[in-house]
Amino acid sequence: MISLAKATYRKIVQNLAWATGYNVIAMPLAAGVLYSFGILLSPAMGAVLMSLSTVIVAVNARFLRL
């Protein structure tokens, strides 16, 4: 049970890192921080990235069984 708890904690940290990385990069792009350089994240692309983020976190959590 201890090894399962440690593995679960590692997955929580991995998923938190993924979610933080997504928010650090995508949120400012969606807000238009780099608009002066011609880089802007459309709302549709933001929705796609958010869905992809959810899928990646779910797949990562699924690997806990392996």
Protein backbone atom coordinates (compact mmCIF):
# COMPACT_ATOMS: atom_id res chain seq x y z
CA MET A 1 0.00 0.00 0.00
CA ILE A 2 2.90 2.33 0.66
CA SER A 3 4.27 1.84 -2.86
CA LEU A 4 0.81 2.55 -4.30
CA ALA A 5 0.58 5.73 -2.23
CA LYS A 6 4.01 6.85 -3.44
CA ALA A 7 3.10 6.12 -7.07
CA THR A 8 -0.17 8.02 -6.67
CA TYR A 9 1.68 11.01 -5.22
CA ARG A 10 4.13 10.99 -8.14
CA LYS A 11 1.19 11.03 -10.60
CA ILE A 12 -0.40 13.92 -8.72
CA VAL A 13 2.84 15.90 -8.98
CA GLN A 14 3.19 15.06 -12.71
CA ASN A 15 -0.39 16.13 -13.42
CA LEU A 16 0.06 19.32 -11.42
CA ALA A 17 3.23 20.12 -13.38
CA TRP A 18 1.42 19.56 -16.67
CA ALA A 19 -1.51 21.76 -15.67
CA THR A 20 0.79 24.50 -14.39
CA GLY A 21 2.87 24.42 -17.57
CA TYR A 22 -0.25 24.68 -19.69
CA ASN A 23 -1.54 27.65 -17.71
CA VAL A 24 1.81 29.44 -17.68
CA ILE A 25 2.11 29.22 -21.48
CA ALA A 26 -1.43 29.23 -22.88
CA MET A 27 -3.16 31.74 -20.62
CA PRO A 28 -0.88 34.70 -21.45
CA LEU A 29 -1.09 33.81 -25.15
CA ALA A 30 -4.87 33.81 -24.97
CA ALA A 31 -4.78 37.13 -23.13
CA GLY A 32 -2.75 38.67 -25.96
CA VAL A 33 0.60 39.21 -24.22
CA LEU A 34 2.50 38.52 -27.46
CA TYR A 35 -0.02 40.20 -29.76
CA SER A 36 2.53 42.85 -30.74
CA PHE A 37 4.62 40.03 -32.24
CA GLY A 38 1.65 38.63 -34.11
CA ILE A 39 1.09 35.72 -31.73
CA LEU A 40 -2.44 35.33 -30.44
CA LEU A 41 -4.22 32.22 -29.30
CA SER A 42 -7.76 32.04 -30.64
CA PRO A 43 -10.55 30.90 -28.31
CA ALA A 44 -11.08 27.80 -30.46
CA MET A 45 -7.40 26.84 -30.18
CA GLY A 46 -7.55 27.50 -26.44
CA ALA A 47 -10.47 25.09 -26.17
CA VAL A 48 -8.55 22.47 -28.15
CA LEU A 49 -5.50 22.87 -25.93
CA MET A 50 -7.63 22.67 -22.79
CA SER A 51 -9.24 19.46 -24.04
CA LEU A 52 -5.82 18.08 -24.92
CA SER A 53 -4.57 18.98 -21.46
CA THR A 54 -7.46 17.07 -19.90
CA VAL A 55 -6.77 14.03 -22.08
CA ILE A 56 -3.06 14.06 -21.23
CA VAL A 57 -3.77 14.26 -17.49
CA ALA A 58 -6.30 11.40 -17.76
CA VAL A 59 -3.91 9.21 -19.78
CA ASN A 60 -1.11 9.96 -17.32
CA ALA A 61 -3.33 8.93 -14.42
CA ARG A 62 -4.29 5.76 -16.30
CA PHE A 63 -0.61 4.74 -16.43
CA LEU A 64 -0.74 4.39 -12.65
CA ARG A 65 -2.21 0.92 -13.13
CA LEU A 66 0.79 -0.16 -15.17
